[in-house]
Each structure stands twice: as C-alpha cells, then as structure tokens.
Amino acid sequence: MLEALAKVIDPELRLPITELGMVGEITETSVTIKLTITGCPAADRIERDVRAVVGDRDVIMTVMNQAERDELKAKLRAGRPPRVNPFDEQNPCKVYLIGSGKGGVGKSSITANLAVALAAKGLAVGLIDADIFGFSIPGQLGIEGKPTKLDDMILPPVAYGVKVISIGMFLAEAGPVAWRGPMLHRAVSQFLTDVHWGELDFLLVDMPPGTGDVAISLGQLLPTAQTIVVTTPQVAAADVAERSGSVGVQTGQSTFGVIENMSWLDNNGERIELFGAGGGQLVADRLRTQLLGQVPISITLREGSDTGEPVVDAHPEDSSAKAILEIAEIVGKTKTPLLGRRLKLSV
C-alpha cells in the first residue's frame, strides 16, 4: 500500500506524501492521511489522488499535530536553520533578475511565460514577483489562492509547474501598496527566507521598473544573480533600459542578456515596426552582453496574460510563444559553475 501511496504527490511541496509523514495508520479497510494544516488548500486534490490508488479502503483525512509539523519543517529545511536565505553563493540555483528601465514594456508577461517555458522543460523553477507596487504575476498565471502557512514557513502556490510568491497573495484587498524603503526590503527578504523553495534549478525575479530600493536590496540578497533586461525596439526606451542593467553591475550582478519585446507586428506576412528598430541590440551592445531574442507583438500573448493562461502553454504555435520558447532554450542550457562550491554529497 505504501508503494501505491508514494505515487500521490503533494501539489505544494512536490514530494510524495509518503516522504512527508502524511500517511498515518493503514488497515485492511482504511487509510489515514494527515494534512499539514487545517484548511489545507490542497486537501481535496490529495484526497482525490489517494482514493484513486487505495481501492475500496476508506480514506480518513486528519491533520498533523505540532510535533509532526516540526518534524516535517526540519526535513524540508534539510539542516538549515529557520529564516535563512537559501540562495547564497553555495546554492547552484541559477538566479535571474528580470528588469526594465520603465514600465509598459511587457516585462512581467515575458517573465511569467519564460518561467512556464523553463518548467515545461522539466526544470524546477521558482518565480518571485518583486514588483511590490505593480504586482501582476498571480493574475498572469491564474493564481487566486493564498499560500499555505506551515507555522513560520510559507509554502508557495504552484502554477504550470512554477512555484510563485507575490505580495498580492497576502493583501486582503486589491488596494495600493504605499511602503517606504525598509518595508520593501523586509518584504523581498521574507520572500527569500520564509518561503520554502526547495531545490530549484532556476529562480526568476520579476523586478519593479527602474533602479530603486527593491533593485538594490535584491542585488545585495542574491549575490549570484544575473540581470536580464527587457526593452522595446524604441531607442528612447533603450536609453532608459540600459540603466536597469547598469544598476546590477553596481550591486555585483553581471548582465546575462537582453530581451527585446514588441519588436514588430505581423500584418499578413509584413513586419510593421510600430516602435522602431534596433533598441534591443543597442542595449545589448552598450551592456556588452547578448541579445537573447526578439518577441513580436501578439494579441494572443496579451489575452493570455489577462486570463491567466500563458501563451507558451496555451498557444505554443503563436509567434510570440515561439520566440519565448527559443529564449528558454538559451536560458535553460546555462549552468552554474561548481568550482569553489560545496556540493551536497552523501556516502
């Protein structure tokens, strides 16, 4: 029976329930499943998946006691103390800060779709919505629920295979966020230390536009991060976008590449360059980095961002999806150098 139950995966922790201490007493007629907390948002799905593998046995749903939760948290932390930033220089996870010089260039749509495209390749991907004032990632990925709180540990919702966290998940109302620098720093710091990310291959961070407090804080908190700059072809926009990459250099991040969005509009095979041409390559040249790709204007991409259906998943044949998938191929092949890093090996 344990072998069958091992096929049931907790949708938040992405591990078999047998490894999480969630399986209680098993008898000839029943199976007891222990949820992490009362009101667990994944309860219905877990119960449904358990019923599918236990045959005629009754499924009894209960909740872990405090000792069992403490044991689970210790297992998840894998020896790390509570509230420690896991993305230090020893973590092989590739971290990308995706920023832009100004708003309105489609940065969040590109970031959300890039994360989904990487996850579709079988990679473990996390996504932080660090645009505190203008958060949009939950809507872009169709996330409506709240994160599960396991005492002092936050379990991020998972959408399209991507673990996601955003300030929008914690607000009671969809009102404005009016915070000064110290509050912003605390928020992005908690996204790193209080959220259980597990072992990730990639962490993408949707940065706020410009070069303010959040950019400086994350530059300090994520020492191995690289910057990806999103711009439009317009030369005026490129001049502003260059500053986004430059601030990363000041806080110790190198620039991995530039993505040019809204590059052209396809009008029955004719490319109409509504916003001019050459801005992406101009920024790449000035920052001495690569142009990762050009994403055309797409109504399908815009509609998917509004409905929470990423274009790379819902319409991979769309021209914008193809461009983002090609960028994901480049990003997905990058590896973190292991020289000088402590490897997690066991004998």
Protein backbone atom coordinates (compact mmCIF):
# COMPACT_ATOMS: atom_id res chain seq x y z
CA MET A 1 0.00 0.00 0.00
CA LEU A 2 2.86 2.41 0.75
CA GLU A 3 4.18 1.83 -2.75
CA ALA A 4 0.83 2.88 -4.18
CA LEU A 5 0.57 5.91 -1.89
CA ALA A 6 4.07 7.00 -2.95
CA LYS A 7 2.51 7.89 -6.31
CA VAL A 8 0.46 10.64 -4.64
CA ILE A 9 2.38 13.93 -4.85
CA ASP A 10 1.69 16.87 -2.57
CA PRO A 11 0.87 19.68 -5.06
CA GLU A 12 2.58 22.37 -2.97
CA LEU A 13 5.68 20.56 -1.76
CA ARG A 14 6.04 18.47 -4.95
CA LEU A 15 7.07 15.37 -3.00
CA PRO A 16 5.34 12.01 -2.37
CA ILE A 17 3.10 12.11 0.68
CA THR A 18 4.93 9.02 1.98
CA GLU A 19 8.12 11.09 2.27
CA LEU A 20 6.36 13.93 4.06
CA GLY A 21 4.98 11.94 7.00
CA MET A 22 1.44 12.43 5.73
CA VAL A 23 0.47 8.75 5.78
CA GLY A 24 -0.95 7.57 9.09
CA GLU A 25 -2.46 4.24 10.07
CA ILE A 26 -3.15 1.73 7.28
CA THR A 27 -5.60 -1.08 7.95
CA GLU A 28 -7.41 -3.64 5.81
CA THR A 29 -10.34 -1.25 5.45
CA SER A 30 -8.94 2.28 5.79
CA VAL A 31 -6.05 4.65 5.21
CA THR A 32 -5.41 7.74 7.34
CA ILE A 33 -3.90 10.82 5.67
CA LYS A 34 -2.51 13.65 7.78
CA LEU A 35 -2.71 17.09 6.19
CA THR A 36 -0.13 19.69 7.17
CA ILE A 37 -2.68 22.22 8.46
CA THR A 38 -6.40 22.62 8.99
CA GLY A 39 -7.98 24.07 5.87
CA CYS A 40 -5.12 22.95 3.62
CA PRO A 41 -5.99 24.29 0.12
CA ALA A 42 -4.66 21.09 -1.47
CA ALA A 43 -6.85 18.82 0.70
CA ASP A 44 -9.42 17.96 -1.97
CA ARG A 45 -6.79 17.14 -4.56
CA ILE A 46 -4.78 14.98 -2.15
CA GLU A 47 -7.90 13.11 -1.03
CA ARG A 48 -8.94 12.52 -4.64
CA ASP A 49 -5.50 11.22 -5.60
CA VAL A 50 -5.36 8.96 -2.55
CA ARG A 51 -8.77 7.47 -3.28
CA ALA A 52 -7.59 6.68 -6.79
CA VAL A 53 -4.82 4.37 -5.51
CA VAL A 54 -6.25 2.74 -2.35
CA GLY A 55 -9.09 0.79 -3.93
CA ASP A 56 -12.06 0.11 -1.65
CA ARG A 57 -10.41 1.34 1.54
CA ASP A 58 -11.96 4.30 3.36
CA VAL A 59 -9.84 7.46 3.38
CA ILE A 60 -9.72 9.26 6.73
CA MET A 61 -8.44 12.84 6.49
CA THR A 62 -6.85 14.27 9.65
CA VAL A 63 -4.28 16.96 10.49
CA MET A 64 -0.71 16.69 11.77
CA ASN A 65 -0.02 17.57 15.38
CA GLN A 66 2.62 20.16 16.26
CA ALA A 67 5.39 17.60 16.78
CA GLU A 68 4.70 16.10 13.35
CA ARG A 69 4.71 19.55 11.74
CA ASP A 70 8.02 20.41 13.43
CA GLU A 71 9.50 17.16 12.11
CA LEU A 72 8.27 17.98 8.60
CA LYS A 73 9.69 21.52 8.70
CA ALA A 74 13.07 20.20 9.84
CA LYS A 75 13.05 17.71 6.97
CA LEU A 76 12.18 20.41 4.44
CA ARG A 77 14.90 22.73 5.71
CA ALA A 78 17.47 19.93 5.29
CA GLY A 79 19.61 21.12 8.19
CA ARG A 80 19.26 24.86 7.57
CA PRO A 81 18.05 26.99 10.48
CA PRO A 82 14.78 28.91 10.12
CA ARG A 83 14.67 32.20 8.23
CA VAL A 84 17.95 31.83 6.35
CA ASN A 85 18.38 32.99 2.78
CA PRO A 86 18.94 29.74 0.85
CA PHE A 87 20.25 31.47 -2.28
CA ASP A 88 23.79 32.00 -1.08
CA GLU A 89 26.97 31.54 -3.07
CA GLN A 90 26.92 27.78 -2.42
CA ASN A 91 23.49 27.24 -3.98
CA PRO A 92 23.78 26.00 -7.60
CA CYS A 93 20.39 27.51 -8.50
CA LYS A 94 20.62 30.00 -11.37
CA VAL A 95 19.05 33.32 -10.36
CA TYR A 96 17.92 35.92 -12.88
CA LEU A 97 16.69 39.41 -12.02
CA ILE A 98 14.43 40.39 -14.92
CA GLY A 99 14.14 44.15 -15.06
CA SER A 100 13.38 47.11 -17.27
CA GLY A 101 14.18 50.79 -17.22
CA LYS A 102 10.50 51.73 -17.24
CA GLY A 103 7.06 50.18 -17.09
CA GLY A 104 4.90 49.21 -20.03
CA VAL A 105 7.44 47.12 -21.93
CA GLY A 106 5.80 43.75 -21.11
CA LYS A 107 8.43 42.66 -18.59
CA SER A 108 6.03 40.70 -16.37
CA SER A 109 4.40 38.90 -19.29
CA ILE A 110 7.83 37.88 -20.58
CA THR A 111 8.93 36.76 -17.10
CA ALA A 112 5.81 34.68 -16.43
CA ASN A 113 5.97 32.96 -19.81
CA LEU A 114 9.71 32.36 -19.54
CA ALA A 115 9.20 30.68 -16.15
CA VAL A 116 6.46 28.42 -17.56
CA ALA A 117 8.60 27.57 -20.58
CA LEU A 118 11.53 26.55 -18.35
CA ALA A 119 9.26 24.44 -16.12
CA ALA A 120 7.87 22.69 -19.22
CA LYS A 121 11.43 21.52 -19.93
CA GLY A 122 11.35 19.55 -16.67
CA LEU A 123 13.31 22.13 -14.69
CA ALA A 124 12.49 23.16 -11.10
CA VAL A 125 11.55 26.84 -11.33
CA GLY A 126 10.66 29.48 -8.76
CA LEU A 127 9.25 32.93 -9.52
CA ILE A 128 9.27 35.94 -7.19
CA ASP A 129 7.02 38.87 -8.01
CA ALA A 130 9.21 41.63 -6.60
CA ASP A 131 7.22 44.41 -8.25
CA ILE A 132 5.61 45.30 -4.93
CA PHE A 133 3.72 48.37 -6.16
CA GLY A 134 2.65 46.91 -9.51
CA PHE A 135 2.38 43.17 -8.84
CA SER A 136 0.76 41.19 -11.65
CA ILE A 137 2.28 37.72 -11.66
CA PRO A 138 -0.61 35.96 -9.81
CA GLY A 139 -3.05 37.20 -12.43
CA GLN A 140 -0.68 36.32 -15.27
CA LEU A 141 -0.58 32.70 -14.05
CA GLY A 142 -4.20 32.42 -12.93
CA ILE A 143 -3.38 32.09 -9.21
CA GLU A 144 -6.26 33.05 -6.94
CA GLY A 145 -5.49 31.17 -3.72
CA LYS A 146 -3.31 32.12 -0.78
CA PRO A 147 -0.02 30.46 0.18
CA THR A 148 -0.20 27.78 2.86
CA LYS A 149 1.48 28.79 6.13
CA LEU A 150 3.16 25.95 7.96
CA ASP A 151 3.76 27.88 11.20
CA ASP A 152 6.66 30.19 10.26
CA MET A 153 7.19 28.55 6.86
CA ILE A 154 5.33 29.67 3.73
CA LEU A 155 4.55 27.13 1.02
CA PRO A 156 4.28 28.94 -2.33
CA PRO A 157 1.41 28.14 -4.71
CA VAL A 158 2.37 26.21 -7.83
CA ALA A 159 1.03 27.13 -11.28
CA TYR A 160 2.11 25.50 -14.55
CA GLY A 161 4.87 23.76 -12.62
CA VAL A 162 6.27 27.05 -11.26
CA LYS A 163 6.48 27.92 -7.54
CA VAL A 164 5.27 31.51 -7.17
CA ILE A 165 5.20 34.16 -4.46
CA SER A 166 3.84 37.72 -4.64
CA ILE A 167 2.75 40.42 -2.23
CA GLY A 168 -0.60 40.28 -3.99
CA MET A 169 -1.25 36.90 -2.34
CA PHE A 170 -1.18 38.46 1.13
CA LEU A 171 -3.33 41.56 0.64
CA ALA A 172 -6.91 41.46 1.88
CA GLU A 173 -7.96 43.98 -0.78
CA ALA A 174 -6.66 44.89 -4.20
CA GLY A 175 -5.67 48.36 -3.00
CA PRO A 176 -2.41 50.26 -3.46
CA VAL A 177 0.75 49.36 -1.54
CA ALA A 178 2.28 52.51 -0.02
CA TRP A 179 5.54 51.41 1.60
CA ARG A 180 8.88 53.08 2.16
CA GLY A 181 12.29 51.50 1.67
CA PRO A 182 12.59 49.49 4.94
CA MET A 183 9.20 47.82 4.39
CA LEU A 184 10.13 46.96 0.81
CA HIS A 185 13.41 45.43 1.94
CA ARG A 186 11.65 43.37 4.60
CA ALA A 187 9.09 42.07 2.11
CA VAL A 188 11.59 40.88 -0.51
CA SER A 189 13.80 39.45 2.24
CA GLN A 190 10.88 37.38 3.55
CA PHE A 191 10.20 36.11 0.04
CA LEU A 192 13.64 34.51 0.23
CA THR A 193 13.88 33.42 3.85
CA ASP A 194 10.33 32.48 4.89
CA VAL A 195 9.23 30.74 1.69
CA HIS A 196 10.11 27.07 1.24
CA TRP A 197 11.58 26.95 -2.27
CA GLY A 198 13.14 23.50 -2.11
CA GLU A 199 15.84 22.58 -4.60
CA LEU A 200 15.45 24.86 -7.64
CA ASP A 201 17.24 24.87 -10.96
CA PHE A 202 16.15 28.45 -11.72
CA LEU A 203 14.79 31.37 -9.72
CA LEU A 204 13.34 34.21 -11.78
CA VAL A 205 12.61 37.55 -10.14
CA ASP A 206 10.16 39.96 -11.77
CA MET A 207 11.72 43.25 -10.78
CA PRO A 208 9.95 46.60 -10.48
CA PRO A 209 10.80 49.04 -13.25
CA GLY A 210 13.64 51.43 -12.58
CA THR A 211 16.54 51.30 -10.16
CA GLY A 212 15.02 51.88 -6.71
CA ASP A 213 15.10 50.27 -3.28
CA VAL A 214 13.97 46.77 -4.33
CA ALA A 215 16.67 46.51 -7.01
CA ILE A 216 19.35 47.47 -4.51
CA SER A 217 18.03 45.10 -1.81
CA LEU A 218 17.80 42.10 -4.13
CA GLY A 219 21.22 42.86 -5.54
CA GLN A 220 22.58 42.51 -2.02
CA LEU A 221 20.46 39.48 -1.05
CA LEU A 222 21.13 37.46 -4.21
CA PRO A 223 24.92 37.53 -4.70
CA THR A 224 24.94 35.01 -7.59
CA ALA A 225 22.14 36.64 -9.59
CA GLN A 226 22.49 37.87 -13.14
CA THR A 227 20.37 40.50 -14.82
CA ILE A 228 18.12 40.11 -17.85
CA VAL A 229 16.95 43.43 -19.29
CA VAL A 230 13.63 43.74 -21.16
CA THR A 231 13.22 46.65 -23.55
CA THR A 232 11.30 47.65 -26.67
CA PRO A 233 12.89 48.50 -30.05
CA GLN A 234 12.40 52.22 -29.42
CA VAL A 235 15.74 53.99 -28.98
CA ALA A 236 14.32 56.24 -26.23
CA ALA A 237 13.21 53.16 -24.29
CA ALA A 238 16.60 51.56 -24.85
CA ASP A 239 18.36 54.54 -23.26
CA VAL A 240 16.27 54.05 -20.11
CA ALA A 241 16.59 50.25 -20.14
CA GLU A 242 20.37 50.50 -20.10
CA ARG A 243 20.19 51.94 -16.58
CA SER A 244 18.40 48.77 -15.37
CA GLY A 245 21.39 46.68 -16.39
CA SER A 246 23.87 49.22 -15.08
CA VAL A 247 22.46 49.18 -11.54
CA GLY A 248 23.06 45.41 -11.43
CA VAL A 249 26.72 45.98 -12.17
CA GLN A 250 26.88 48.43 -9.25
CA THR A 251 25.48 45.81 -6.85
CA GLY A 252 27.67 42.98 -8.15
CA GLN A 253 25.47 41.35 -10.81
CA SER A 254 26.60 40.74 -14.35
CA THR A 255 24.14 41.09 -17.24
CA PHE A 256 23.16 37.78 -18.81
CA GLY A 257 21.30 39.24 -21.76
CA VAL A 258 18.64 41.48 -23.25
CA ILE A 259 15.15 40.60 -24.48
CA GLU A 260 13.51 42.90 -26.99
CA ASN A 261 9.71 42.84 -26.66
CA MET A 262 7.09 44.26 -29.06
CA SER A 263 9.66 44.01 -31.84
CA TRP A 264 7.17 44.12 -34.72
CA LEU A 265 3.58 43.49 -35.70
CA ASP A 266 2.94 40.77 -38.26
CA ASN A 267 0.41 42.11 -40.80
CA ASN A 268 -0.28 39.25 -43.23
CA GLY A 269 3.40 38.45 -43.52
CA GLU A 270 4.58 42.05 -43.47
CA ARG A 271 6.56 43.18 -40.43
CA ILE A 272 5.38 46.57 -39.18
CA GLU A 273 7.88 48.06 -36.71
CA LEU A 274 5.50 50.17 -34.63
CA PHE A 275 8.16 51.09 -32.08
CA GLY A 276 11.10 51.44 -34.42
CA ALA A 277 14.00 49.02 -34.61
CA GLY A 278 17.35 48.27 -33.05
CA GLY A 279 16.69 49.12 -29.41
CA GLY A 280 17.36 45.64 -28.05
CA GLN A 281 20.66 45.23 -29.87
CA LEU A 282 21.66 48.76 -28.83
CA VAL A 283 21.14 47.93 -25.14
CA ALA A 284 22.98 44.61 -25.54
CA ASP A 285 25.94 46.35 -27.18
CA ARG A 286 26.12 49.03 -24.52
CA LEU A 287 25.98 46.45 -21.72
CA ARG A 288 28.41 44.18 -23.58
CA THR A 289 26.06 41.23 -23.48
CA GLN A 290 23.91 39.11 -25.80
CA LEU A 291 20.53 39.80 -27.37
CA LEU A 292 18.60 36.73 -26.21
CA GLY A 293 15.71 37.20 -28.62
CA GLN A 294 13.02 39.41 -30.10
CA VAL A 295 9.37 38.88 -29.19
CA PRO A 296 6.80 40.20 -31.67
CA ILE A 297 3.59 41.99 -30.71
CA SER A 298 0.89 39.38 -30.12
CA ILE A 299 -2.78 39.73 -29.25
CA THR A 300 -2.70 36.11 -28.07
CA LEU A 301 0.12 36.88 -25.64
CA ARG A 302 -1.82 39.86 -24.27
CA GLU A 303 -5.04 37.89 -23.93
CA GLY A 304 -3.26 35.04 -22.13
CA SER A 305 -1.75 37.50 -19.66
CA ASP A 306 -5.23 38.85 -18.90
CA THR A 307 -6.85 35.42 -18.47
CA GLY A 308 -4.02 33.69 -16.60
CA GLU A 309 -3.20 31.35 -19.48
CA PRO A 310 0.46 31.79 -20.53
CA VAL A 311 0.81 31.79 -24.29
CA VAL A 312 3.71 29.30 -24.23
CA ASP A 313 1.36 26.74 -22.67
CA ALA A 314 -1.98 27.57 -24.29
CA HIS A 315 -0.78 28.56 -27.77
CA PRO A 316 2.81 27.39 -28.35
CA GLU A 317 2.31 27.87 -32.10
CA ASP A 318 1.91 31.66 -31.67
CA SER A 319 4.85 33.72 -32.93
CA SER A 320 5.42 35.30 -29.51
CA ALA A 321 5.37 31.87 -27.83
CA LYS A 322 7.92 30.53 -30.30
CA ALA A 323 10.23 33.45 -29.56
CA ILE A 324 9.96 32.99 -25.79
CA LEU A 325 10.47 29.21 -26.09
CA GLU A 326 13.66 29.88 -28.07
CA ILE A 327 14.85 32.21 -25.31
CA ALA A 328 14.03 29.50 -22.75
CA GLU A 329 16.27 27.13 -24.70
CA ILE A 330 19.18 29.54 -24.28
CA VAL A 331 18.47 30.23 -20.60
CA GLY A 332 17.77 26.57 -19.80
CA LYS A 333 21.17 25.45 -21.05
CA THR A 334 23.08 27.70 -18.66
CA LYS A 335 24.82 26.01 -15.78
CA THR A 336 26.21 27.37 -12.54
CA PRO A 337 29.97 26.80 -12.23
CA LEU A 338 30.73 24.31 -9.46
CA LEU A 339 34.29 25.48 -8.84
CA GLY A 340 34.57 26.65 -5.24
CA ARG A 341 31.08 25.47 -4.26
CA ARG A 342 30.26 22.93 -1.55
CA LEU A 343 28.44 20.01 -3.08
CA LYS A 344 25.66 18.20 -1.22
CA LEU A 345 27.03 14.68 -1.36
CA SER A 346 26.35 11.71 0.87
CA VAL A 347 28.26 8.46 1.26
